[in-house]
Amino acid sequence: MKIVVNNSSDINSIDFIAALKEYLKGAEGTWYYDKIYGAHTDISRFF
């Protein structure tokens, strides 16, 4: 599944979060999961 993010509200969409969790499924429980998740959802660096 490919999710395209067009604006900042898309980051909080149910579809995006579900796709991201599926994408990161193999990293669940690792020490770096939160860092990867944050890197995909923290858009503050773009403003």
PDB file of N, CA and C in Angstrom:
ATOM      1  N   MET A   1       0.841  -1.171   0.000  1.00  0.00           N
ATOM      2  CA  MET A   1       0.000   0.000   0.000  1.00  0.00           C
ATOM      3  C   MET A   1       0.884   1.230   0.000  1.00  0.00           C
ATOM      4  N   LYS A   2       0.599   2.168  -0.859  1.00  0.00           N
ATOM      5  CA  LYS A   2       1.349   3.409  -0.929  1.00  0.00           C
ATOM      6  C   LYS A   2       0.454   4.540  -0.443  1.00  0.00           C
ATOM      7  N   ILE A   3       0.941   5.298   0.516  1.00  0.00           N
ATOM      8  CA  ILE A   3       0.202   6.434   1.056  1.00  0.00           C
ATOM      9  C   ILE A   3       0.951   7.699   0.669  1.00  0.00           C
ATOM     10  N   VAL A   4       0.262   8.649   0.074  1.00  0.00           N
ATOM     11  CA  VAL A   4       0.856   9.921  -0.304  1.00  0.00           C
ATOM     12  C   VAL A   4       0.397  10.968   0.699  1.00  0.00           C
ATOM     13  N   VAL A   5       1.346  11.688   1.249  1.00  0.00           N
ATOM     14  CA  VAL A   5       1.039  12.744   2.209  1.00  0.00           C
ATOM     15  C   VAL A   5       1.106  14.076   1.470  1.00  0.00           C
ATOM     16  N   ASN A   6      -0.040  14.731   1.368  1.00  0.00           N
ATOM     17  CA  ASN A   6      -0.105  16.003   0.662  1.00  0.00           C
ATOM     18  C   ASN A   6      -0.032  17.209   1.583  1.00  0.00           C
ATOM     19  N   ASN A   7      -0.403  17.038   2.829  1.00  0.00           N
ATOM     20  CA  ASN A   7      -0.348  18.146   3.780  1.00  0.00           C
ATOM     21  C   ASN A   7      -0.199  17.595   5.193  1.00  0.00           C
ATOM     22  N   SER A   8      -0.015  18.489   6.143  1.00  0.00           N
ATOM     23  CA  SER A   8       0.280  18.057   7.506  1.00  0.00           C
ATOM     24  C   SER A   8      -0.871  17.298   8.155  1.00  0.00           C
ATOM     25  N   SER A   9      -2.100  17.535   7.750  1.00  0.00           N
ATOM     26  CA  SER A   9      -3.215  16.805   8.361  1.00  0.00           C
ATOM     27  C   SER A   9      -3.224  15.339   7.927  1.00  0.00           C
ATOM     28  N   ASP A  10      -2.604  15.026   6.801  1.00  0.00           N
ATOM     29  CA  ASP A  10      -2.522  13.634   6.345  1.00  0.00           C
ATOM     30  C   ASP A  10      -1.681  12.775   7.286  1.00  0.00           C
ATOM     31  N   ILE A  11      -0.726  13.389   7.991  1.00  0.00           N
ATOM     32  CA  ILE A  11       0.144  12.658   8.912  1.00  0.00           C
ATOM     33  C   ILE A  11      -0.668  12.029  10.042  1.00  0.00           C
ATOM     34  N   ASN A  12      -1.757  12.662  10.426  1.00  0.00           N
ATOM     35  CA  ASN A  12      -2.578  12.174  11.523  1.00  0.00           C
ATOM     36  C   ASN A  12      -3.769  11.343  11.054  1.00  0.00           C
ATOM     37  N   SER A  13      -3.849  11.075   9.762  1.00  0.00           N
ATOM     38  CA  SER A  13      -4.976  10.309   9.252  1.00  0.00           C
ATOM     39  C   SER A  13      -4.875   8.844   9.676  1.00  0.00           C
ATOM     40  N   ILE A  14      -6.000   8.233   9.830  1.00  0.00           N
ATOM     41  CA  ILE A  14      -6.067   6.826  10.232  1.00  0.00           C
ATOM     42  C   ILE A  14      -5.358   5.944   9.204  1.00  0.00           C
ATOM     43  N   ASP A  15      -5.542   6.240   7.938  1.00  0.00           N
ATOM     44  CA  ASP A  15      -4.907   5.441   6.881  1.00  0.00           C
ATOM     45  C   ASP A  15      -3.386   5.536   6.930  1.00  0.00           C
ATOM     46  N   PHE A  16      -2.875   6.744   7.149  1.00  0.00           N
ATOM     47  CA  PHE A  16      -1.425   6.916   7.210  1.00  0.00           C
ATOM     48  C   PHE A  16      -0.836   6.181   8.404  1.00  0.00           C
ATOM     49  N   ILE A  17      -1.449   6.347   9.573  1.00  0.00           N
ATOM     50  CA  ILE A  17      -0.949   5.696  10.784  1.00  0.00           C
ATOM     51  C   ILE A  17      -0.989   4.173  10.635  1.00  0.00           C
ATOM     52  N   ALA A  18      -2.076   3.657  10.064  1.00  0.00           N
ATOM     53  CA  ALA A  18      -2.193   2.206   9.858  1.00  0.00           C
ATOM     54  C   ALA A  18      -1.110   1.707   8.900  1.00  0.00           C
ATOM     55  N   ALA A  19      -0.891   2.434   7.815  1.00  0.00           N
ATOM     56  CA  ALA A  19       0.130   2.035   6.840  1.00  0.00           C
ATOM     57  C   ALA A  19       1.528   2.120   7.450  1.00  0.00           C
ATOM     58  N   LEU A  20       1.762   3.146   8.248  1.00  0.00           N
ATOM     59  CA  LEU A  20       3.072   3.299   8.885  1.00  0.00           C
ATOM     60  C   LEU A  20       3.330   2.169   9.874  1.00  0.00           C
ATOM     61  N   LYS A  21       2.342   1.829  10.671  1.00  0.00           N
ATOM     62  CA  LYS A  21       2.505   0.734  11.632  1.00  0.00           C
ATOM     63  C   LYS A  21       2.745  -0.595  10.918  1.00  0.00           C
ATOM     64  N   GLU A  22       2.086  -0.800   9.800  1.00  0.00           N
ATOM     65  CA  GLU A  22       2.302  -2.019   9.013  1.00  0.00           C
ATOM     66  C   GLU A  22       3.729  -2.027   8.442  1.00  0.00           C
ATOM     67  N   TYR A  23       4.160  -0.889   7.956  1.00  0.00           N
ATOM     68  CA  TYR A  23       5.502  -0.745   7.384  1.00  0.00           C
ATOM     69  C   TYR A  23       6.582  -1.009   8.435  1.00  0.00           C
ATOM     70  N   LEU A  24       6.336  -0.553   9.661  1.00  0.00           N
ATOM     71  CA  LEU A  24       7.313  -0.686  10.732  1.00  0.00           C
ATOM     72  C   LEU A  24       7.130  -1.943  11.576  1.00  0.00           C
ATOM     73  N   LYS A  25       6.249  -2.807  11.155  1.00  0.00           N
ATOM     74  CA  LYS A  25       5.916  -4.002  11.929  1.00  0.00           C
ATOM     75  C   LYS A  25       7.147  -4.814  12.339  1.00  0.00           C
ATOM     76  N   GLY A  26       8.096  -4.946  11.487  1.00  0.00           N
ATOM     77  CA  GLY A  26       9.298  -5.727  11.785  1.00  0.00           C
ATOM     78  C   GLY A  26      10.197  -5.084  12.829  1.00  0.00           C
ATOM     79  N   ALA A  27       9.997  -3.807  13.096  1.00  0.00           N
ATOM     80  CA  ALA A  27      10.828  -3.096  14.068  1.00  0.00           C
ATOM     81  C   ALA A  27      10.158  -2.990  15.437  1.00  0.00           C
ATOM     82  N   GLU A  28       8.921  -3.450  15.550  1.00  0.00           N
ATOM     83  CA  GLU A  28       8.222  -3.369  16.838  1.00  0.00           C
ATOM     84  C   GLU A  28       9.022  -4.066  17.924  1.00  0.00           C
ATOM     85  N   GLY A  29       9.087  -3.433  19.077  1.00  0.00           N
ATOM     86  CA  GLY A  29       9.784  -4.016  20.211  1.00  0.00           C
ATOM     87  C   GLY A  29      11.280  -3.767  20.233  1.00  0.00           C
ATOM     88  N   THR A  30      11.796  -3.127  19.211  1.00  0.00           N
ATOM     89  CA  THR A  30      13.225  -2.824  19.182  1.00  0.00           C
ATOM     90  C   THR A  30      13.483  -1.494  19.872  1.00  0.00           C
ATOM     91  N   TRP A  31      14.724  -1.233  20.198  1.00  0.00           N
ATOM     92  CA  TRP A  31      15.088   0.016  20.868  1.00  0.00           C
ATOM     93  C   TRP A  31      14.924   1.227  19.949  1.00  0.00           C
ATOM     94  N   TYR A  32      14.928   1.028  18.663  1.00  0.00           N
ATOM     95  CA  TYR A  32      14.871   2.143  17.724  1.00  0.00           C
ATOM     96  C   TYR A  32      13.476   2.404  17.131  1.00  0.00           C
ATOM     97  N   TYR A  33      12.486   1.612  17.512  1.00  0.00           N
ATOM     98  CA  TYR A  33      11.140   1.765  16.943  1.00  0.00           C
ATOM     99  C   TYR A  33      10.601   3.185  17.126  1.00  0.00           C
ATOM    100  N   ASP A  34      10.688   3.715  18.332  1.00  0.00           N
ATOM    101  CA  ASP A  34      10.170   5.062  18.590  1.00  0.00           C
ATOM    102  C   ASP A  34      10.886   6.120  17.752  1.00  0.00           C
ATOM    103  N   LYS A  35      12.177   5.937  17.553  1.00  0.00           N
ATOM    104  CA  LYS A  35      12.931   6.886  16.736  1.00  0.00           C
ATOM    105  C   LYS A  35      12.478   6.842  15.276  1.00  0.00           C
ATOM    106  N   ILE A  36      12.269   5.646  14.755  1.00  0.00           N
ATOM    107  CA  ILE A  36      11.815   5.516  13.371  1.00  0.00           C
ATOM    108  C   ILE A  36      10.397   6.069  13.221  1.00  0.00           C
ATOM    109  N   TYR A  37       9.540   5.717  14.167  1.00  0.00           N
ATOM    110  CA  TYR A  37       8.153   6.198  14.127  1.00  0.00           C
ATOM    111  C   TYR A  37       8.143   7.727  14.173  1.00  0.00           C
ATOM    112  N   GLY A  38       8.919   8.297  15.060  1.00  0.00           N
ATOM    113  CA  GLY A  38       8.996   9.745  15.173  1.00  0.00           C
ATOM    114  C   GLY A  38       9.536  10.400  13.914  1.00  0.00           C
ATOM    115  N   ALA A  39      10.508   9.772  13.290  1.00  0.00           N
ATOM    116  CA  ALA A  39      11.083  10.321  12.059  1.00  0.00           C
ATOM    117  C   ALA A  39      10.047  10.388  10.936  1.00  0.00           C
ATOM    118  N   HIS A  40       9.083   9.475  10.963  1.00  0.00           N
ATOM    119  CA  HIS A  40       8.049   9.459   9.933  1.00  0.00           C
ATOM    120  C   HIS A  40       6.861  10.359  10.259  1.00  0.00           C
ATOM    121  N   THR A  41       6.712  10.742  11.513  1.00  0.00           N
ATOM    122  CA  THR A  41       5.536  11.525  11.892  1.00  0.00           C
ATOM    123  C   THR A  41       5.843  12.935  12.367  1.00  0.00           C
ATOM    124  N   ASP A  42       7.093  13.231  12.712  1.00  0.00           N
ATOM    125  CA  ASP A  42       7.443  14.574  13.173  1.00  0.00           C
ATOM    126  C   ASP A  42       7.769  15.449  11.967  1.00  0.00           C
ATOM    127  N   ILE A  43       6.843  16.302  11.634  1.00  0.00           N
ATOM    128  CA  ILE A  43       7.042  17.154  10.442  1.00  0.00           C
ATOM    129  C   ILE A  43       7.518  18.552  10.808  1.00  0.00           C
ATOM    130  N   SER A  44       7.824  18.783  12.080  1.00  0.00           N
ATOM    131  CA  SER A  44       8.235  20.118  12.523  1.00  0.00           C
ATOM    132  C   SER A  44       9.501  20.600  11.802  1.00  0.00           C
ATOM    133  N   ARG A  45      10.336  19.678  11.392  1.00  0.00           N
ATOM    134  CA  ARG A  45      11.585  20.077  10.720  1.00  0.00           C
ATOM    135  C   ARG A  45      11.338  20.712   9.350  1.00  0.00           C
ATOM    136  N   PHE A  46      10.145  20.590   8.832  1.00  0.00           N
ATOM    137  CA  PHE A  46       9.821  21.160   7.531  1.00  0.00           C
ATOM    138  C   PHE A  46       9.264  22.577   7.619  1.00  0.00           C
ATOM    139  N   PHE A  47       9.103  23.074   8.836  1.00  0.00           N
ATOM    140  CA  PHE A  47       8.505  24.411   9.003  1.00  0.00           C
ATOM    141  C   PHE A  47       9.500  25.394   9.549  1.00  0.00           C
TER     142      PHE A  47
END
